[in-house]
Amino acid sequence: MDDLHRHAAKVGAGATLRDLRLRRLNAELLKPSGKSPFSFELTINPSFEVDDHNVLYEIDYVVEAQDADAAEMFKVNVAYTVLYEVDSDELLDESLLGAFGDVSVLFHTYPYLRETLHTITGRFGLPPLVLDTWKNPMDAALRTDPHPETPPEANV
């Protein structure tokens, strides 16, 4: 297990989820009819603040979609706030909380984003957008080079 996941697991073992809310939703259909297939870009901006043993994360997702001609189809901005209570001062370290946000909090909010986008695109009169399961960008780097310090084995 790498340091990022180890830090996230450490906070996760001592954190209790107290609240998860939709904080902001802004959706705009820019082009009502477009050519399939559609493509989209997902941008994620996590942040957090600490108040005593409470940690409030805000996860801001921006989804921008284009049609087959690369014309902008829609833009959706969704923000969720997630409140955790941590059980020790040791867990209030910013690097630990940042790792927890990058790994666990994104994992906790992603299903809500999937449902929101599926619903909104259907209401736009477009085929409902079905996001794939969560693939953490941090994990993707590990999948491409899981042991960067290990030399390749010789072919025998």
Protein backbone atom coordinates (compact mmCIF):
# COMPACT_ATOMS: atom_id res chain seq x y z
CA MET A 1 0.00 0.00 0.00
CA ASP A 2 1.41 3.40 -0.95
CA ASP A 3 1.59 6.39 1.44
CA LEU A 4 -1.50 8.10 -0.01
CA HIS A 5 -3.72 5.10 0.68
CA ARG A 6 -2.04 4.39 4.03
CA HIS A 7 -2.74 7.98 5.17
CA ALA A 8 -6.32 7.82 3.91
CA ALA A 9 -6.89 4.51 5.71
CA LYS A 10 -5.49 5.95 8.94
CA VAL A 11 -7.99 8.83 8.91
CA GLY A 12 -10.79 6.54 7.72
CA ALA A 13 -10.31 4.28 10.73
CA GLY A 14 -10.92 7.22 13.06
CA ALA A 15 -13.48 9.24 11.08
CA THR A 16 -17.27 9.13 11.28
CA LEU A 17 -19.42 10.47 8.45
CA ARG A 18 -21.86 12.99 9.95
CA ASP A 19 -23.40 14.67 6.89
CA LEU A 20 -23.31 14.71 3.10
CA ARG A 21 -25.20 17.42 1.20
CA LEU A 22 -25.63 18.84 -2.24
CA ARG A 23 -24.28 22.36 -1.89
CA ARG A 24 -24.45 23.70 -5.42
CA LEU A 25 -25.96 22.63 -8.71
CA ASN A 26 -25.71 24.61 -11.92
CA ALA A 27 -26.62 22.91 -15.18
CA GLU A 28 -26.80 24.49 -18.60
CA LEU A 29 -27.79 22.90 -21.90
CA LEU A 30 -25.76 24.78 -24.48
CA LYS A 31 -26.80 22.89 -27.61
CA PRO A 32 -30.14 21.03 -27.50
CA SER A 33 -29.36 18.82 -30.47
CA GLY A 34 -25.97 17.43 -31.24
CA LYS A 35 -24.38 14.55 -33.03
CA SER A 36 -23.58 11.36 -31.14
CA PRO A 37 -21.34 10.16 -29.71
CA PHE A 38 -20.86 12.64 -26.90
CA SER A 39 -17.64 13.04 -24.98
CA PHE A 40 -17.08 14.78 -21.70
CA GLU A 41 -14.38 16.06 -19.41
CA LEU A 42 -14.63 15.79 -15.63
CA THR A 43 -12.72 18.21 -13.42
CA ILE A 44 -12.57 17.65 -9.66
CA ASN A 45 -11.59 20.30 -7.12
CA PRO A 46 -11.53 19.04 -3.51
CA SER A 47 -10.91 21.27 -0.50
CA PHE A 48 -11.38 21.00 3.26
CA GLU A 49 -11.44 23.00 6.45
CA VAL A 50 -11.05 21.91 10.06
CA ASP A 51 -13.06 23.09 13.07
CA ASP A 52 -12.06 21.32 16.28
CA HIS A 53 -12.49 17.60 15.44
CA ASN A 54 -14.87 18.26 12.56
CA VAL A 55 -13.54 18.23 9.01
CA LEU A 56 -15.73 19.73 6.30
CA TYR A 57 -14.81 18.75 2.75
CA GLU A 58 -16.17 20.44 -0.34
CA ILE A 59 -15.90 18.48 -3.56
CA ASP A 60 -16.57 20.55 -6.66
CA TYR A 61 -17.20 18.63 -9.88
CA VAL A 62 -17.37 20.29 -13.30
CA VAL A 63 -18.55 18.26 -16.28
CA GLU A 64 -18.28 19.70 -19.79
CA ALA A 65 -19.66 17.67 -22.70
CA GLN A 66 -19.11 17.97 -26.46
CA ASP A 67 -20.86 16.33 -29.38
CA ALA A 68 -19.21 14.44 -32.25
CA ASP A 69 -18.39 17.78 -33.95
CA ALA A 70 -16.65 19.01 -30.77
CA ALA A 71 -19.42 21.55 -30.16
CA GLU A 72 -20.19 22.27 -26.50
CA MET A 73 -23.35 20.39 -25.47
CA PHE A 74 -23.74 21.08 -21.77
CA LYS A 75 -21.92 22.12 -18.64
CA VAL A 76 -22.78 20.97 -15.13
CA ASN A 77 -21.21 22.18 -11.89
CA VAL A 78 -22.06 20.12 -8.80
CA ALA A 79 -20.62 20.64 -5.33
CA TYR A 80 -21.09 18.39 -2.32
CA THR A 81 -20.11 19.09 1.26
CA VAL A 82 -19.19 16.17 3.46
CA LEU A 83 -18.74 16.45 7.22
CA TYR A 84 -16.65 13.97 9.18
CA GLU A 85 -15.85 13.87 12.86
CA VAL A 86 -12.38 12.53 13.69
CA ASP A 87 -11.61 10.93 17.01
CA SER A 88 -8.07 12.18 17.70
CA ASP A 89 -5.86 15.22 17.27
CA GLU A 90 -3.29 13.06 15.47
CA LEU A 91 -5.70 12.70 12.54
CA LEU A 92 -5.96 16.48 12.06
CA ASP A 93 -2.64 16.58 10.21
CA GLU A 94 -3.19 18.33 6.86
CA SER A 95 -1.33 15.72 4.81
CA LEU A 96 -3.45 12.93 6.35
CA LEU A 97 -6.68 14.84 5.77
CA GLY A 98 -5.64 15.70 2.21
CA ALA A 99 -4.99 12.02 1.46
CA PHE A 100 -8.33 11.07 2.99
CA GLY A 101 -10.04 13.65 0.79
CA ASP A 102 -8.23 12.52 -2.37
CA VAL A 103 -9.02 8.86 -1.82
CA SER A 104 -12.01 8.29 0.45
CA VAL A 105 -14.12 11.44 0.21
CA LEU A 106 -14.05 11.38 -3.59
CA PHE A 107 -15.10 7.74 -3.44
CA HIS A 108 -17.97 8.64 -1.06
CA THR A 109 -19.37 11.48 -3.22
CA TYR A 110 -18.94 9.96 -6.69
CA PRO A 111 -22.17 7.87 -6.64
CA TYR A 112 -24.13 11.06 -5.92
CA LEU A 113 -22.48 12.73 -8.91
CA ARG A 114 -23.32 9.75 -11.12
CA GLU A 115 -26.99 9.92 -10.16
CA THR A 116 -27.14 13.71 -10.57
CA LEU A 117 -25.63 13.62 -14.07
CA HIS A 118 -27.83 10.72 -15.15
CA THR A 119 -30.94 12.63 -14.04
CA ILE A 120 -29.93 16.01 -15.47
CA THR A 121 -28.94 14.73 -18.90
CA GLY A 122 -32.25 12.88 -19.13
CA ARG A 123 -34.09 16.07 -18.24
CA PHE A 124 -32.09 17.87 -20.92
CA GLY A 125 -33.70 15.46 -23.38
CA LEU A 126 -30.35 13.82 -24.07
CA PRO A 127 -29.49 10.18 -23.62
CA PRO A 128 -28.81 9.82 -19.88
CA LEU A 129 -25.10 10.04 -19.12
CA VAL A 130 -23.86 6.93 -17.35
CA LEU A 131 -20.52 7.53 -15.69
CA ASP A 132 -18.21 4.58 -15.29
CA THR A 133 -17.36 3.35 -11.81
CA TRP A 134 -14.92 5.46 -9.80
CA LYS A 135 -11.33 5.31 -10.92
CA ASN A 136 -9.24 7.55 -8.72
CA PRO A 137 -6.68 9.56 -10.72
CA MET A 138 -4.14 8.78 -7.99
CA ASP A 139 -4.75 5.05 -8.52
CA ALA A 140 -4.35 5.40 -12.29
CA ALA A 141 -0.77 6.56 -11.80
CA LEU A 142 -0.10 3.49 -9.67
CA ARG A 143 -1.63 1.16 -12.26
CA THR A 144 0.70 2.43 -14.98
CA ASP A 145 3.81 2.00 -12.84
CA PRO A 146 2.95 0.00 -9.68
CA HIS A 147 6.57 -0.45 -8.57
CA PRO A 148 8.58 2.49 -9.89
CA GLU A 149 11.56 1.57 -7.70
CA THR A 150 11.64 -2.09 -8.78
CA PRO A 151 13.79 -2.92 -11.80
CA PRO A 152 12.11 -5.01 -14.53
CA GLU A 153 12.60 -8.75 -14.26
CA ALA A 154 14.76 -10.41 -16.87
CA ASN A 155 13.05 -12.60 -19.42
CA VAL A 156 14.16 -16.19 -19.01
